[in-house]
Amino acid sequence: MTVGRKLLVGAIALSGVLAAVPAYADVKAGVDAWGKGDYARAVGEWRPLAIAGDADAQFNLAQAYKLGRGVPLDPGLAESWFRKAALQGHLQAGDNYGLALFQAGKKTDALPWLEKSAARGEPRTQLVLGTMLFNGDGIPRDFPRAYALMTRASASGLQSASQTLAQMDQYISPTDREKGTALAQQYALQATPAAPSRSTVGGTGARVDVPASRVAETPRPTRLPPSSPPVRVPAPTREPASKPTPVKAVVAKPAPKPAPVKATGKWRVQLGAFRDQGNAETQWNTVRGRLRGLQPFYTKAGNVTRLQAGGFASKADATRACSAARVSCVIVAP
């Protein structure tokens, strides 16, 4: 085949590829349609670009499959498109890909993606990786690092992380807590947030910021999206036998503030078990405003100080106080 014929064949092949991407297809046009609730049109804009290799379009198409908007809900296809974008260096796709792998039970595959994402400062992956480290779930247990990651996720405003951090405080030693706090400060200095996405608009060659191309992604979410995995923080095995039952670290519904209680009954609530009374007193200062009129009790059980509050006239009163306290809470009978 002559050189000229080879060039002609190459030109024909290239024209076929270009023809596969309709002229109307545009990432920003899809974002605008999505914002108006026209999900089918948004998917129609993104799909040909995603197939052609556009990382933003691949990420957005993955979000559509993840949320079931404009297409049937399909976590498998969402994971696949997140992976394609992530392998091109799309940072938010890498975040979501790691979370998708974790939720699918592929923890070994998820770990390197979660590590990279958490190091960059993504709070959802810090929450998941911190919980894995605390539980020794698919990774060696590391209390200081788990505490550091959960501290960073909590500082970002992620409420689930704040609640999980409060549970960790009941179990880890003051030494591990101190190490974790110092490590969290290091992580804060090393974090490198992702730069805004850019997209070519209208074929003019002018490049403009299009932060909305990260579909369904709001700044610093205050709660995990529904597709994120539930998180549990059970007590470590080295704790005394009288450990509280692990509690799901999920966003709790706000409880109504109770009326002031006259501390005359014999029922109590237990608000945690601590290695030293100082930590128990700190916990009481945190919840005392929600438990008006109650008296704290610092009950010794071996090397552990149990923080209790009383007294309630009935079990029903104690149960209502547990809901208002918004911390791990156990009813203690007379």
Protein backbone atom coordinates (compact mmCIF):
# COMPACT_ATOMS: atom_id res chain seq x y z
CA MET A 1 0.00 0.00 0.00
CA THR A 2 1.39 3.41 -0.96
CA VAL A 3 1.93 6.19 1.55
CA GLY A 4 -0.82 8.23 -0.08
CA ARG A 5 -3.30 5.35 0.18
CA LYS A 6 -2.35 4.81 3.85
CA LEU A 7 -3.03 8.48 4.59
CA LEU A 8 -6.38 8.28 2.78
CA VAL A 9 -7.39 5.19 4.78
CA GLY A 10 -6.33 6.93 8.02
CA ALA A 11 -8.37 10.00 7.13
CA ILE A 12 -11.44 7.87 6.42
CA ALA A 13 -11.05 6.03 9.75
CA LEU A 14 -10.65 9.33 11.62
CA SER A 15 -13.73 10.79 9.97
CA GLY A 16 -15.68 7.73 11.13
CA VAL A 17 -14.59 8.31 14.74
CA LEU A 18 -15.51 11.98 14.59
CA ALA A 19 -18.88 11.16 13.05
CA ALA A 20 -19.61 8.92 16.06
CA VAL A 21 -19.68 12.04 18.30
CA PRO A 22 -22.66 14.23 17.32
CA ALA A 23 -21.90 17.92 16.94
CA TYR A 24 -24.42 18.82 19.63
CA ALA A 25 -22.68 16.76 22.31
CA ASP A 26 -21.20 19.07 24.94
CA VAL A 27 -20.29 18.52 28.62
CA LYS A 28 -21.53 21.91 29.80
CA ALA A 29 -24.76 21.59 27.80
CA GLY A 30 -25.37 18.33 29.65
CA VAL A 31 -24.68 20.04 32.97
CA ASP A 32 -27.17 22.80 32.14
CA ALA A 33 -29.80 20.20 31.21
CA TRP A 34 -29.11 18.29 34.44
CA GLY A 35 -29.58 21.46 36.45
CA LYS A 36 -33.02 21.91 34.86
CA GLY A 37 -33.99 18.33 35.70
CA ASP A 38 -33.76 17.14 32.08
CA TYR A 39 -31.65 14.10 32.97
CA ALA A 40 -32.31 12.18 29.74
CA ARG A 41 -30.95 15.06 27.65
CA ALA A 42 -27.93 15.42 29.95
CA VAL A 43 -27.11 11.74 29.51
CA GLY A 44 -27.56 12.13 25.76
CA GLU A 45 -24.98 14.94 25.75
CA TRP A 46 -22.45 13.04 27.85
CA ARG A 47 -22.67 9.50 26.51
CA PRO A 48 -20.94 10.05 23.11
CA LEU A 49 -18.25 12.17 24.74
CA ALA A 50 -17.72 9.56 27.46
CA ILE A 51 -17.35 6.83 24.83
CA ALA A 52 -14.86 9.04 23.00
CA GLY A 53 -12.81 9.33 26.22
CA ASP A 54 -13.78 12.66 27.83
CA ALA A 55 -13.09 12.22 31.57
CA ASP A 56 -15.66 14.83 32.72
CA ALA A 57 -18.36 13.19 30.62
CA GLN A 58 -17.37 9.76 31.98
CA PHE A 59 -17.59 11.04 35.55
CA ASN A 60 -20.99 12.65 34.95
CA LEU A 61 -22.36 9.55 33.22
CA ALA A 62 -21.17 7.48 36.21
CA GLN A 63 -23.06 9.83 38.54
CA ALA A 64 -26.21 9.38 36.43
CA TYR A 65 -25.99 5.58 36.78
CA LYS A 66 -25.16 5.90 40.47
CA LEU A 67 -28.26 8.04 41.12
CA GLY A 68 -30.55 6.43 38.53
CA ARG A 69 -31.35 9.72 36.78
CA GLY A 70 -31.86 9.66 33.03
CA VAL A 71 -30.81 5.99 33.04
CA PRO A 72 -31.72 2.94 35.15
CA LEU A 73 -29.96 2.75 38.52
CA ASP A 74 -26.88 0.56 37.92
CA PRO A 75 -24.03 0.57 40.50
CA GLY A 76 -21.97 -1.73 38.27
CA LEU A 77 -22.02 0.65 35.30
CA ALA A 78 -21.42 3.59 37.65
CA GLU A 79 -18.32 1.84 38.99
CA SER A 80 -17.12 1.12 35.44
CA TRP A 81 -17.43 4.73 34.28
CA PHE A 82 -15.87 6.06 37.49
CA ARG A 83 -12.93 3.74 36.80
CA LYS A 84 -12.47 5.00 33.23
CA ALA A 85 -12.38 8.61 34.40
CA ALA A 86 -10.21 7.85 37.44
CA LEU A 87 -7.59 6.12 35.28
CA GLN A 88 -7.31 9.36 33.31
CA GLY A 89 -6.48 11.26 36.50
CA HIS A 90 -9.97 12.62 37.24
CA LEU A 91 -9.67 13.17 41.00
CA GLN A 92 -13.35 13.20 41.97
CA ALA A 93 -13.88 10.06 39.90
CA GLY A 94 -11.06 8.45 41.89
CA ASP A 95 -12.84 9.40 45.13
CA ASN A 96 -16.12 7.86 44.01
CA TYR A 97 -14.45 4.82 42.48
CA GLY A 98 -12.77 3.95 45.77
CA LEU A 99 -16.06 4.33 47.64
CA ALA A 100 -17.90 2.25 45.02
CA LEU A 101 -15.34 -0.55 45.30
CA PHE A 102 -15.58 -0.51 49.09
CA GLN A 103 -19.36 -0.71 49.03
CA ALA A 104 -19.18 -3.60 46.56
CA GLY A 105 -17.02 -5.50 49.08
CA LYS A 106 -13.83 -5.13 46.99
CA LYS A 107 -11.85 -3.72 49.91
CA THR A 108 -8.41 -4.77 48.66
CA ASP A 109 -9.02 -3.02 45.33
CA ALA A 110 -10.57 -0.01 47.07
CA LEU A 111 -7.71 0.57 49.51
CA PRO A 112 -5.16 2.32 47.19
CA TRP A 113 -7.87 4.63 45.85
CA LEU A 114 -9.13 5.43 49.35
CA GLU A 115 -5.56 6.14 50.49
CA LYS A 116 -4.93 8.62 47.64
CA SER A 117 -8.27 10.31 48.12
CA ALA A 118 -7.95 10.60 51.92
CA ALA A 119 -4.42 12.00 51.59
CA ARG A 120 -5.83 14.74 49.38
CA GLY A 121 -8.36 15.61 52.09
CA GLU A 122 -11.65 14.06 50.85
CA PRO A 123 -13.78 13.71 54.03
CA ARG A 124 -15.95 10.77 52.87
CA THR A 125 -12.93 8.59 52.13
CA GLN A 126 -11.25 9.74 55.37
CA LEU A 127 -14.34 8.51 57.23
CA VAL A 128 -14.31 5.11 55.51
CA LEU A 129 -10.53 4.59 55.71
CA GLY A 130 -10.44 5.76 59.34
CA THR A 131 -13.13 3.24 60.25
CA MET A 132 -11.27 0.45 58.43
CA LEU A 133 -8.09 1.29 60.38
CA PHE A 134 -9.96 1.38 63.70
CA ASN A 135 -11.67 -1.95 63.10
CA GLY A 136 -8.73 -3.66 61.39
CA ASP A 137 -11.11 -4.25 58.48
CA GLY A 138 -8.99 -5.36 55.50
CA ILE A 139 -6.03 -3.39 56.85
CA PRO A 140 -3.87 -3.64 60.02
CA ARG A 141 -5.46 -1.85 62.97
CA ASP A 142 -3.93 1.57 63.68
CA PHE A 143 -5.71 3.62 66.36
CA PRO A 144 -3.67 6.87 66.07
CA ARG A 145 -4.06 7.05 62.28
CA ALA A 146 -7.75 6.12 62.48
CA TYR A 147 -8.28 8.93 65.01
CA ALA A 148 -6.35 11.39 62.83
CA LEU A 149 -8.38 10.66 59.70
CA MET A 150 -11.67 10.82 61.61
CA THR A 151 -10.60 14.14 63.16
CA ARG A 152 -9.95 15.58 59.70
CA ALA A 153 -13.27 14.29 58.34
CA SER A 154 -15.07 15.73 61.37
CA ALA A 155 -13.35 19.10 60.94
CA SER A 156 -14.71 19.29 57.38
CA GLY A 157 -18.26 19.28 58.74
CA LEU A 158 -19.12 15.63 58.07
CA GLN A 159 -21.56 14.87 60.89
CA SER A 160 -21.19 11.10 60.61
CA ALA A 161 -17.46 11.52 61.21
CA SER A 162 -18.10 13.68 64.29
CA GLN A 163 -20.37 11.02 65.78
CA THR A 164 -17.88 8.25 64.99
CA LEU A 165 -15.07 10.30 66.55
CA ALA A 166 -17.10 10.59 69.76
CA GLN A 167 -17.35 6.79 69.86
CA MET A 168 -13.61 6.40 69.31
CA ASP A 169 -12.99 8.73 72.27
CA GLN A 170 -14.63 6.17 74.54
CA TYR A 171 -12.22 3.40 73.59
CA ILE A 172 -8.75 4.61 72.66
CA SER A 173 -6.05 5.46 75.18
CA PRO A 174 -4.93 9.05 75.92
CA THR A 175 -1.57 8.20 74.31
CA ASP A 176 -3.18 7.07 71.05
CA ARG A 177 -5.48 10.08 71.11
CA GLU A 178 -2.52 12.44 71.51
CA LYS A 179 -0.65 10.77 68.64
CA GLY A 180 -3.75 10.91 66.47
CA THR A 181 -4.30 14.60 67.16
CA ALA A 182 -0.71 15.41 66.18
CA LEU A 183 -1.02 13.31 63.03
CA ALA A 184 -4.26 15.09 62.09
CA GLN A 185 -2.39 18.41 62.18
CA GLN A 186 0.20 16.98 59.78
CA TYR A 187 -2.55 15.77 57.43
CA ALA A 188 -4.12 19.23 57.43
CA LEU A 189 -0.84 20.76 56.22
CA GLN A 190 -0.30 18.06 53.57
CA ALA A 191 -3.81 18.08 52.05
CA THR A 192 -3.96 19.15 48.39
CA PRO A 193 -7.56 19.87 47.31
CA ALA A 194 -8.53 19.13 43.71
CA ALA A 195 -8.48 22.01 41.22
CA PRO A 196 -11.78 23.01 39.55
CA SER A 197 -12.79 21.14 36.40
CA ARG A 198 -12.44 22.84 33.00
CA SER A 199 -14.36 22.20 29.80
CA THR A 200 -14.31 23.59 26.22
CA VAL A 201 -17.55 25.47 25.48
CA GLY A 202 -19.14 25.85 22.04
CA GLY A 203 -16.06 24.67 20.14
CA THR A 204 -14.51 28.15 20.32
CA GLY A 205 -11.40 26.97 22.08
CA ALA A 206 -12.06 29.30 25.01
CA ARG A 207 -11.56 27.41 28.26
CA VAL A 208 -13.75 28.39 31.21
CA ASP A 209 -14.32 27.04 34.71
CA VAL A 210 -17.32 24.72 34.90
CA PRO A 211 -17.51 23.54 38.52
CA ALA A 212 -21.07 22.32 37.93
CA SER A 213 -19.73 19.56 35.68
CA ARG A 214 -19.26 17.62 38.89
CA VAL A 215 -22.86 16.50 38.89
CA ALA A 216 -24.60 15.99 42.26
CA GLU A 217 -21.48 17.08 44.11
CA THR A 218 -22.00 19.85 46.67
CA PRO A 219 -19.22 21.63 48.58
CA ARG A 220 -18.24 19.73 51.71
CA PRO A 221 -21.36 17.58 52.27
CA THR A 222 -22.63 17.46 55.85
CA ARG A 223 -23.75 13.87 55.48
CA LEU A 224 -22.81 10.80 53.49
CA PRO A 225 -24.81 10.27 50.32
CA PRO A 226 -27.27 7.34 50.47
CA SER A 227 -24.95 5.16 48.37
CA SER A 228 -22.07 5.42 50.84
CA PRO A 229 -21.44 2.36 53.03
CA PRO A 230 -22.74 2.27 56.62
CA VAL A 231 -20.01 2.64 59.21
CA ARG A 232 -19.73 0.82 62.53
CA VAL A 233 -17.15 1.40 65.24
CA PRO A 234 -17.08 -1.60 67.60
CA ALA A 235 -14.94 -1.51 70.71
CA PRO A 236 -11.42 -2.94 70.27
CA THR A 237 -10.70 -6.33 71.80
CA ARG A 238 -8.25 -4.95 74.35
CA GLU A 239 -11.03 -3.12 76.24
CA PRO A 240 -12.60 -4.53 79.45
CA ALA A 241 -15.43 -7.05 79.10
CA SER A 242 -18.09 -4.44 79.94
CA LYS A 243 -17.91 -2.62 76.59
CA PRO A 244 -20.94 -0.70 75.29
CA THR A 245 -22.68 -2.17 72.24
CA PRO A 246 -21.27 -0.65 69.01
CA VAL A 247 -23.48 1.99 67.46
CA LYS A 248 -23.94 2.78 63.76
CA ALA A 249 -22.15 5.99 62.90
CA VAL A 250 -24.97 7.50 60.85
CA VAL A 251 -26.68 10.86 60.98
CA ALA A 252 -29.23 10.73 63.78
CA LYS A 253 -32.57 12.53 63.66
CA PRO A 254 -32.57 15.57 65.98
CA ALA A 255 -34.24 14.72 69.26
CA PRO A 256 -36.55 17.18 71.01
CA LYS A 257 -35.08 18.96 74.00
CA PRO A 258 -36.48 17.45 77.19
CA ALA A 259 -38.05 19.51 79.91
CA PRO A 260 -35.96 19.99 83.07
CA VAL A 261 -35.92 16.81 85.15
CA LYS A 262 -35.99 16.70 88.93
CA ALA A 263 -33.20 14.34 89.93
CA THR A 264 -35.27 12.42 92.51
CA GLY A 265 -35.69 8.98 90.89
CA LYS A 266 -33.39 5.95 90.89
CA TRP A 267 -33.13 5.25 87.16
CA ARG A 268 -29.94 6.37 85.40
CA VAL A 269 -28.43 6.54 81.93
CA GLN A 270 -24.81 5.61 81.16
CA LEU A 271 -23.11 7.99 78.72
CA GLY A 272 -19.81 6.20 78.22
CA ALA A 273 -16.92 4.35 79.86
CA PHE A 274 -13.50 5.99 80.09
CA ARG A 275 -10.00 5.09 81.18
CA ASP A 276 -9.66 8.23 83.29
CA GLN A 277 -12.23 10.43 85.01
CA GLY A 278 -10.98 13.54 83.19
CA ASN A 279 -12.36 12.23 79.92
CA ALA A 280 -15.64 11.37 81.61
CA GLU A 281 -15.91 14.93 82.94
CA THR A 282 -15.22 16.28 79.44
CA GLN A 283 -18.04 14.12 78.08
CA TRP A 284 -20.41 15.42 80.77
CA ASN A 285 -19.59 19.03 79.85
CA THR A 286 -20.52 18.15 76.26
CA VAL A 287 -23.97 16.71 77.04
CA ARG A 288 -25.02 18.49 80.24
CA GLY A 289 -26.88 21.20 78.29
CA ARG A 290 -29.10 18.52 76.75
CA LEU A 291 -29.82 16.89 80.12
CA ARG A 292 -31.03 19.78 82.21
CA GLY A 293 -31.57 19.19 85.90
CA LEU A 294 -29.64 15.91 86.07
CA GLN A 295 -26.75 14.97 88.31
CA PRO A 296 -23.60 13.25 86.98
CA PHE A 297 -22.22 10.11 88.64
CA TYR A 298 -18.66 8.84 88.06
CA THR A 299 -18.83 5.13 88.86
CA LYS A 300 -15.62 3.09 89.04
CA ALA A 301 -15.49 -0.38 87.43
CA GLY A 302 -11.95 -1.68 87.65
CA ASN A 303 -9.74 0.70 85.64
CA VAL A 304 -12.74 2.26 83.90
CA THR A 305 -14.85 5.26 84.97
CA ARG A 306 -18.47 5.01 83.89
CA LEU A 307 -20.24 8.32 83.34
CA GLN A 308 -23.87 8.08 84.44
CA ALA A 309 -26.60 10.67 84.92
CA GLY A 310 -29.71 10.45 87.09
CA GLY A 311 -32.12 10.19 88.54
CA PHE A 312 -35.23 9.40 86.61
CA ALA A 313 -38.55 8.36 88.03
CA SER A 314 -39.11 5.78 85.28
CA LYS A 315 -37.47 3.87 82.45
CA ALA A 316 -39.48 5.96 79.95
CA ASP A 317 -37.93 9.17 81.31
CA ALA A 318 -34.44 7.65 81.03
CA THR A 319 -35.13 6.53 77.45
CA ARG A 320 -36.19 10.04 76.42
CA ALA A 321 -33.02 11.46 77.98
CA CYS A 322 -30.88 8.98 75.99
CA SER A 323 -32.43 10.27 72.77
CA ALA A 324 -31.77 13.88 73.78
CA ALA A 325 -28.13 13.20 74.77
CA ARG A 326 -27.18 12.24 71.16
CA VAL A 327 -24.27 10.06 72.29
CA SER A 328 -23.90 6.33 72.92
CA CYS A 329 -26.27 5.75 75.84
CA VAL A 330 -27.39 2.78 77.98
CA ILE A 331 -30.30 2.62 80.43
CA VAL A 332 -29.25 1.63 83.97
CA ALA A 333 -31.96 0.12 86.15
CA PRO A 334 -32.11 0.84 89.94
